[in-house]
Every structure is written in structure tokens, then in C-alpha cells.
């Protein structure tokens, strides 16, 4: 059914705004479509629990990935280090009190964030 045809038969006018308004009015008066089933949340939770991976396997995989990245970093440093390591010597790094204060502030923020994260964890997760 074309929404622009609804108003022409009911209202008797050819004004497009009246036809579309009538279509919107009819759509709003209609019963809404059915929602999800009553046990939808429970069934999704059961499905997620069944498909969840074993945490021990995930921890092992993360450790293996970190080891591979670490090994790759060592290999890249050994292979290409002679080319780019000398470039760090030519960088102008002003070491004065202001620089050291900013480094200390950054380290304090990192330590505080780590401590707050540890305090929020349950004892069994440590």
C-alpha cells in the first residue's frame, strides 16, 4: 500500500501533507509489533556462558602473544639497531628540574592508577 494513496480516499483532498499525516496517524494507532520473548535475557546469558572461553587458556594465549611480541622486538633491535640507535644520541633532550618534575608526576600518576586498580579487585583475583 502506497502511503500517499491513503489520504486521497479518506479525506477527499489531494494535498500531499494531509495524505502523509493520515498515514502517520494510522501507523501510530496500530498495535506495536511483538517484542522479544519473556525469557530472552536468560537464554542469551545461558548461551554466552556455554560459549565462554576458558580463562586459563586465554591467560596462556595472552602470555604467548606477549612473548612473541617481545621476541620480535629483540629481533628487530638486533637486525636494525645499528641503523637507528645512533639517531637517539643526536636528539636534544634537555634534562633540567622542570623535565624531572614532569617525569616524576607521570610516574606518580601511573603508580596511583595501578594502586587504585589493585584496591578495587577482589582478593581471590590477585
N, C-alpha and C. Protein backbone atom coordinates (compact mmCIF):
# COMPACT_ATOMS: atom_id res chain seq x y z
N UNK A 1 0.84 -1.17 0.00
CA UNK A 1 0.00 0.00 0.00
C UNK A 1 0.89 1.24 0.00
N UNK A 2 0.65 2.15 -0.89
CA UNK A 2 1.41 3.37 -1.01
C UNK A 2 0.93 4.37 0.04
N UNK A 3 1.81 4.94 0.85
CA UNK A 3 1.37 5.86 1.90
C UNK A 3 0.74 7.13 1.34
N UNK A 4 1.06 7.49 0.11
CA UNK A 4 0.50 8.70 -0.48
C UNK A 4 -0.93 8.49 -0.99
N UNK A 5 -1.37 7.24 -1.10
CA UNK A 5 -2.72 6.96 -1.56
C UNK A 5 -3.74 6.92 -0.44
N UNK A 6 -3.30 6.84 0.79
CA UNK A 6 -4.23 6.67 1.91
C UNK A 6 -5.15 7.87 2.06
N UNK A 7 -4.57 9.07 2.04
CA UNK A 7 -5.37 10.25 2.32
C UNK A 7 -6.34 10.62 1.21
N UNK A 8 -6.11 10.22 -0.01
CA UNK A 8 -6.97 10.67 -1.11
C UNK A 8 -8.35 10.05 -1.03
N UNK A 9 -8.47 8.83 -0.53
CA UNK A 9 -9.77 8.19 -0.47
C UNK A 9 -10.52 8.57 0.80
N UNK A 10 -9.78 8.76 1.91
CA UNK A 10 -10.44 9.03 3.19
C UNK A 10 -10.81 10.49 3.34
N UNK A 11 -9.93 11.39 2.96
CA UNK A 11 -10.16 12.81 3.21
C UNK A 11 -10.79 13.50 2.01
N UNK A 12 -10.49 13.04 0.84
CA UNK A 12 -11.07 13.64 -0.35
C UNK A 12 -10.28 14.82 -0.84
N UNK A 13 -9.05 14.99 -0.40
CA UNK A 13 -8.23 16.10 -0.84
C UNK A 13 -6.98 15.55 -1.51
N UNK A 14 -6.31 16.38 -2.28
CA UNK A 14 -5.10 15.95 -2.97
C UNK A 14 -3.87 16.62 -2.39
N UNK A 15 -3.96 17.17 -1.19
CA UNK A 15 -2.84 17.82 -0.54
C UNK A 15 -1.88 16.74 -0.01
N UNK A 16 -0.61 16.70 -0.46
CA UNK A 16 0.31 15.64 -0.04
C UNK A 16 0.55 15.61 1.46
N UNK A 17 0.58 16.76 2.12
CA UNK A 17 0.85 16.78 3.55
C UNK A 17 -0.29 16.11 4.32
N UNK A 18 -1.52 16.23 3.86
CA UNK A 18 -2.65 15.61 4.52
C UNK A 18 -2.59 14.09 4.36
N UNK A 19 -2.18 13.61 3.20
CA UNK A 19 -2.11 12.17 2.97
C UNK A 19 -1.05 11.53 3.85
N UNK A 20 0.12 12.12 3.96
CA UNK A 20 1.18 11.53 4.76
C UNK A 20 0.83 11.64 6.23
N UNK A 21 0.16 12.72 6.64
CA UNK A 21 -0.26 12.83 8.03
C UNK A 21 -1.25 11.73 8.39
N UNK A 22 -2.11 11.41 7.48
CA UNK A 22 -3.08 10.33 7.72
C UNK A 22 -2.36 8.99 7.85
N UNK A 23 -1.34 8.76 7.04
CA UNK A 23 -0.57 7.53 7.11
C UNK A 23 0.15 7.43 8.47
N UNK A 24 0.73 8.51 8.93
CA UNK A 24 1.40 8.51 10.22
C UNK A 24 0.40 8.27 11.34
N UNK A 25 -0.77 8.89 11.23
CA UNK A 25 -1.81 8.71 12.24
C UNK A 25 -2.24 7.24 12.33
N UNK A 26 -2.43 6.60 11.18
CA UNK A 26 -2.83 5.19 11.18
C UNK A 26 -1.71 4.30 11.75
N UNK A 27 -0.47 4.62 11.45
CA UNK A 27 0.64 3.83 11.96
C UNK A 27 0.77 3.95 13.48
N UNK A 28 0.50 5.14 14.00
CA UNK A 28 0.60 5.34 15.44
C UNK A 28 -0.54 4.66 16.20
N UNK A 29 -1.68 4.49 15.58
CA UNK A 29 -2.82 3.86 16.24
C UNK A 29 -2.75 2.33 16.22
N UNK A 30 -1.89 1.78 15.42
CA UNK A 30 -1.76 0.34 15.30
C UNK A 30 -1.03 -0.23 16.51
N UNK A 31 -1.30 -1.46 16.86
CA UNK A 31 -0.62 -2.15 17.95
C UNK A 31 0.85 -2.35 17.58
N UNK A 32 1.75 -2.18 18.53
CA UNK A 32 3.17 -2.38 18.20
C UNK A 32 3.45 -3.86 17.94
N UNK A 33 4.50 -4.10 17.17
CA UNK A 33 4.91 -5.47 16.91
C UNK A 33 5.37 -6.12 18.21
N UNK A 34 5.32 -7.43 18.24
CA UNK A 34 5.73 -8.16 19.45
C UNK A 34 7.21 -7.95 19.72
N UNK A 35 7.55 -7.83 21.00
CA UNK A 35 8.94 -7.65 21.41
C UNK A 35 9.63 -8.99 21.58
N UNK A 36 10.77 -8.98 22.22
CA UNK A 36 11.49 -10.24 22.44
C UNK A 36 10.71 -11.13 23.41
N UNK A 37 10.97 -12.42 23.39
CA UNK A 37 10.27 -13.32 24.30
C UNK A 37 10.60 -12.99 25.76
N UNK A 38 9.76 -13.48 26.67
CA UNK A 38 9.91 -13.16 28.09
C UNK A 38 11.23 -13.69 28.66
N UNK A 39 11.72 -14.80 28.19
CA UNK A 39 12.96 -15.37 28.72
C UNK A 39 14.17 -15.07 27.83
N UNK A 40 14.11 -13.99 27.09
CA UNK A 40 15.18 -13.63 26.16
C UNK A 40 16.52 -13.41 26.88
N UNK A 41 16.50 -12.63 27.95
CA UNK A 41 17.75 -12.32 28.67
C UNK A 41 18.36 -13.58 29.26
N UNK A 42 17.53 -14.44 29.84
CA UNK A 42 18.04 -15.67 30.43
C UNK A 42 18.66 -16.56 29.36
N UNK A 43 17.99 -16.69 28.21
CA UNK A 43 18.51 -17.56 27.16
C UNK A 43 19.81 -17.01 26.57
N UNK A 44 19.94 -15.70 26.46
CA UNK A 44 21.19 -15.12 25.97
C UNK A 44 22.31 -15.33 26.98
N UNK A 45 22.00 -15.20 28.29
CA UNK A 45 23.01 -15.43 29.33
C UNK A 45 23.48 -16.88 29.32
N UNK A 46 22.55 -17.82 29.15
CA UNK A 46 22.92 -19.23 29.10
C UNK A 46 23.80 -19.50 27.88
N UNK A 47 23.44 -18.94 26.75
CA UNK A 47 24.21 -19.12 25.53
C UNK A 47 25.62 -18.54 25.68
N UNK A 48 25.72 -17.36 26.29
CA UNK A 48 27.03 -16.73 26.49
C UNK A 48 27.88 -17.56 27.44
N UNK A 49 27.27 -18.10 28.49
CA UNK A 49 28.01 -18.93 29.44
C UNK A 49 28.53 -20.20 28.77
N UNK A 50 27.73 -20.78 27.89
CA UNK A 50 28.13 -22.00 27.20
C UNK A 50 29.28 -21.75 26.23
N UNK A 51 29.29 -20.59 25.60
CA UNK A 51 30.30 -20.29 24.59
C UNK A 51 31.52 -19.57 25.14
N UNK A 52 31.53 -19.28 26.42
CA UNK A 52 32.65 -18.54 27.00
C UNK A 52 33.91 -19.41 26.97
N UNK A 53 35.02 -18.76 26.69
CA UNK A 53 36.29 -19.48 26.64
C UNK A 53 36.81 -19.69 28.06
N UNK A 54 37.66 -20.67 28.20
CA UNK A 54 38.27 -20.97 29.49
C UNK A 54 39.27 -19.86 29.83
N UNK A 55 39.15 -19.22 31.01
CA UNK A 55 40.07 -18.13 31.36
C UNK A 55 41.54 -18.56 31.40
N UNK A 56 41.80 -19.81 31.78
CA UNK A 56 43.19 -20.27 31.83
C UNK A 56 43.79 -20.30 30.43
N UNK A 57 43.01 -20.71 29.45
CA UNK A 57 43.50 -20.73 28.07
C UNK A 57 43.75 -19.31 27.58
N UNK A 58 42.85 -18.40 27.93
CA UNK A 58 43.03 -17.01 27.50
C UNK A 58 44.29 -16.41 28.10
N UNK A 59 44.53 -16.67 29.40
CA UNK A 59 45.75 -16.15 30.02
C UNK A 59 46.99 -16.73 29.35
N UNK A 60 46.98 -18.02 29.02
CA UNK A 60 48.11 -18.65 28.34
C UNK A 60 48.33 -18.01 26.97
N UNK A 61 47.24 -17.78 26.24
CA UNK A 61 47.37 -17.18 24.91
C UNK A 61 47.91 -15.75 24.98
N UNK A 62 47.47 -14.98 25.98
CA UNK A 62 47.98 -13.61 26.13
C UNK A 62 49.47 -13.64 26.46
N UNK A 63 49.87 -14.53 27.34
CA UNK A 63 51.29 -14.64 27.68
C UNK A 63 52.11 -15.05 26.46
N UNK A 64 51.60 -15.98 25.67
CA UNK A 64 52.31 -16.40 24.46
C UNK A 64 52.42 -15.23 23.48
N UNK A 65 51.35 -14.46 23.34
CA UNK A 65 51.38 -13.31 22.43
C UNK A 65 52.39 -12.26 22.90
N UNK A 66 52.43 -11.99 24.20
CA UNK A 66 53.41 -11.03 24.73
C UNK A 66 54.82 -11.54 24.49
N UNK A 67 55.03 -12.84 24.67
CA UNK A 67 56.36 -13.41 24.42
C UNK A 67 56.76 -13.27 22.96
N UNK A 68 55.82 -13.51 22.05
CA UNK A 68 56.11 -13.37 20.62
C UNK A 68 56.44 -11.91 20.28
N UNK A 69 55.67 -10.97 20.84
CA UNK A 69 55.97 -9.56 20.58
C UNK A 69 57.32 -9.16 21.17
N UNK A 70 57.64 -9.66 22.35
CA UNK A 70 58.94 -9.36 22.95
C UNK A 70 60.08 -9.91 22.12
N UNK A 71 59.93 -11.14 21.66
CA UNK A 71 60.95 -11.75 20.80
C UNK A 71 61.09 -10.97 19.50
N UNK A 72 59.97 -10.54 18.93
CA UNK A 72 60.02 -9.75 17.69
C UNK A 72 60.73 -8.42 17.93
N UNK A 73 60.50 -7.80 19.09
CA UNK A 73 61.18 -6.54 19.40
C UNK A 73 62.69 -6.74 19.51
N UNK A 74 63.10 -7.84 20.13
CA UNK A 74 64.53 -8.13 20.25
C UNK A 74 65.14 -8.37 18.87
N UNK A 75 64.46 -9.14 18.04
CA UNK A 75 64.97 -9.43 16.69
C UNK A 75 65.10 -8.15 15.88
N UNK A 76 64.08 -7.30 15.92
CA UNK A 76 64.13 -6.04 15.16
C UNK A 76 65.26 -5.16 15.67
N UNK A 77 65.45 -5.12 16.99
CA UNK A 77 66.54 -4.31 17.55
C UNK A 77 67.90 -4.84 17.11
N UNK A 78 68.06 -6.14 17.10
CA UNK A 78 69.34 -6.73 16.68
C UNK A 78 69.60 -6.48 15.19
N UNK A 79 68.56 -6.66 14.37
CA UNK A 79 68.74 -6.55 12.93
C UNK A 79 68.92 -5.09 12.50
N UNK A 80 68.06 -4.20 13.01
CA UNK A 80 68.08 -2.81 12.53
C UNK A 80 68.67 -1.83 13.53
N UNK A 81 69.12 -2.29 14.68
CA UNK A 81 69.59 -1.39 15.72
C UNK A 81 70.77 -0.54 15.33
N UNK A 82 71.65 -1.07 14.53
CA UNK A 82 72.84 -0.31 14.12
C UNK A 82 72.48 0.91 13.29
N UNK A 83 71.32 0.85 12.65
CA UNK A 83 70.91 1.97 11.79
C UNK A 83 70.19 3.06 12.57
N UNK A 84 69.33 2.69 13.53
CA UNK A 84 68.52 3.73 14.16
C UNK A 84 68.90 4.04 15.59
N UNK A 85 69.65 3.20 16.27
CA UNK A 85 70.05 3.52 17.64
C UNK A 85 70.97 4.74 17.72
N UNK A 86 71.92 4.95 16.81
CA UNK A 86 72.74 6.17 16.89
C UNK A 86 71.93 7.46 16.74
N UNK A 87 70.78 7.38 16.12
CA UNK A 87 69.96 8.59 15.95
C UNK A 87 69.46 9.12 17.29
N UNK A 88 69.31 8.26 18.27
CA UNK A 88 68.86 8.72 19.59
C UNK A 88 69.90 9.60 20.26
N UNK A 89 71.16 9.40 19.95
CA UNK A 89 72.22 10.22 20.54
C UNK A 89 72.17 11.66 20.07
N UNK A 90 71.62 11.89 18.91
CA UNK A 90 71.58 13.26 18.38
C UNK A 90 70.31 14.02 18.80
N UNK A 91 69.41 13.35 19.52
CA UNK A 91 68.20 14.04 19.96
C UNK A 91 68.52 15.03 21.07
N UNK A 92 68.03 16.26 20.94
CA UNK A 92 68.26 17.23 22.02
C UNK A 92 67.27 16.95 23.17
N UNK A 93 67.76 16.43 24.28
CA UNK A 93 66.92 16.14 25.43
C UNK A 93 67.38 17.02 26.59
N UNK A 94 66.66 18.10 26.83
CA UNK A 94 67.06 18.97 27.93
C UNK A 94 66.68 18.32 29.27
N UNK A 95 67.67 18.06 30.09
CA UNK A 95 67.41 17.48 31.40
C UNK A 95 67.63 18.57 32.43
N UNK A 96 66.55 19.17 32.88
CA UNK A 96 66.62 20.17 33.92
C UNK A 96 65.57 19.84 34.98
N UNK A 97 65.37 20.67 35.95
CA UNK A 97 64.45 20.40 37.05
C UNK A 97 63.01 20.27 36.56
N UNK A 98 62.64 21.05 35.57
CA UNK A 98 61.27 21.00 35.04
C UNK A 98 60.97 19.65 34.39
N UNK A 99 61.93 19.14 33.63
CA UNK A 99 61.76 17.84 32.98
C UNK A 99 61.63 16.74 34.02
N UNK A 100 62.48 16.77 35.02
CA UNK A 100 62.44 15.75 36.07
C UNK A 100 61.13 15.82 36.86
N UNK A 101 60.61 17.02 37.07
CA UNK A 101 59.33 17.17 37.78
C UNK A 101 58.19 16.53 36.97
N UNK A 102 58.19 16.72 35.66
CA UNK A 102 57.14 16.14 34.82
C UNK A 102 57.25 14.62 34.78
N UNK A 103 58.47 14.11 34.73
CA UNK A 103 58.67 12.65 34.75
C UNK A 103 58.18 12.08 36.08
N UNK A 104 58.49 12.75 37.17
CA UNK A 104 58.04 12.29 38.50
C UNK A 104 56.51 12.34 38.59
N UNK A 105 55.89 13.38 38.05
CA UNK A 105 54.43 13.46 38.08
C UNK A 105 53.80 12.35 37.26
N UNK A 106 54.38 12.05 36.10
CA UNK A 106 53.85 10.98 35.26
C UNK A 106 53.97 9.63 35.98
N UNK A 107 55.11 9.37 36.57
CA UNK A 107 55.29 8.11 37.30
C UNK A 107 54.35 8.01 38.50
N UNK A 108 54.11 9.12 39.18
CA UNK A 108 53.17 9.12 40.30
C UNK A 108 51.75 8.81 39.82
N UNK A 109 51.36 9.36 38.69
CA UNK A 109 50.03 9.09 38.15
C UNK A 109 49.88 7.61 37.77
N UNK A 110 50.91 7.06 37.14
CA UNK A 110 50.86 5.65 36.76
C UNK A 110 50.77 4.77 38.00
N UNK A 111 51.58 5.07 39.03
CA UNK A 111 51.56 4.28 40.26
C UNK A 111 50.22 4.39 40.97
N UNK A 112 49.67 5.59 41.03
CA UNK A 112 48.38 5.79 41.69
C UNK A 112 47.26 5.05 40.96
N UNK A 113 47.27 5.10 39.65
CA UNK A 113 46.27 4.38 38.86
C UNK A 113 46.39 2.88 39.08
N UNK A 114 47.60 2.36 39.11
CA UNK A 114 47.80 0.94 39.33
C UNK A 114 47.34 0.53 40.72
N UNK A 115 47.67 1.34 41.73
CA UNK A 115 47.26 1.02 43.10
C UNK A 115 45.75 1.06 43.26
N UNK A 116 45.10 2.03 42.65
CA UNK A 116 43.63 2.11 42.73
C UNK A 116 42.98 0.93 42.03
N UNK A 117 43.56 0.48 40.92
CA UNK A 117 43.04 -0.69 40.23
C UNK A 117 43.20 -1.95 41.07
N UNK A 118 44.33 -2.07 41.76
CA UNK A 118 44.56 -3.23 42.63
C UNK A 118 43.63 -3.21 43.83
N UNK A 119 43.33 -2.02 44.36
CA UNK A 119 42.46 -1.92 45.53
C UNK A 119 41.02 -2.31 45.18
N UNK A 120 40.61 -2.11 43.96
CA UNK A 120 39.26 -2.40 43.55
C UNK A 120 39.03 -3.86 43.21
N UNK A 121 40.09 -4.66 43.09
CA UNK A 121 39.96 -6.06 42.74
C UNK A 121 39.67 -6.89 43.98
N UNK A 122 38.87 -7.93 43.84
CA UNK A 122 38.67 -8.83 44.97
C UNK A 122 39.95 -9.61 45.28
N UNK A 123 40.07 -10.06 46.50
CA UNK A 123 41.28 -10.76 46.94
C UNK A 123 41.55 -12.04 46.14
N UNK A 124 40.49 -12.74 45.71
CA UNK A 124 40.67 -14.01 45.01
C UNK A 124 41.25 -13.80 43.62
N UNK A 125 41.04 -12.62 43.01
CA UNK A 125 41.51 -12.37 41.65
C UNK A 125 43.00 -12.07 41.62
N UNK A 126 43.60 -11.76 42.75
CA UNK A 126 45.02 -11.42 42.78
C UNK A 126 45.78 -12.68 42.74
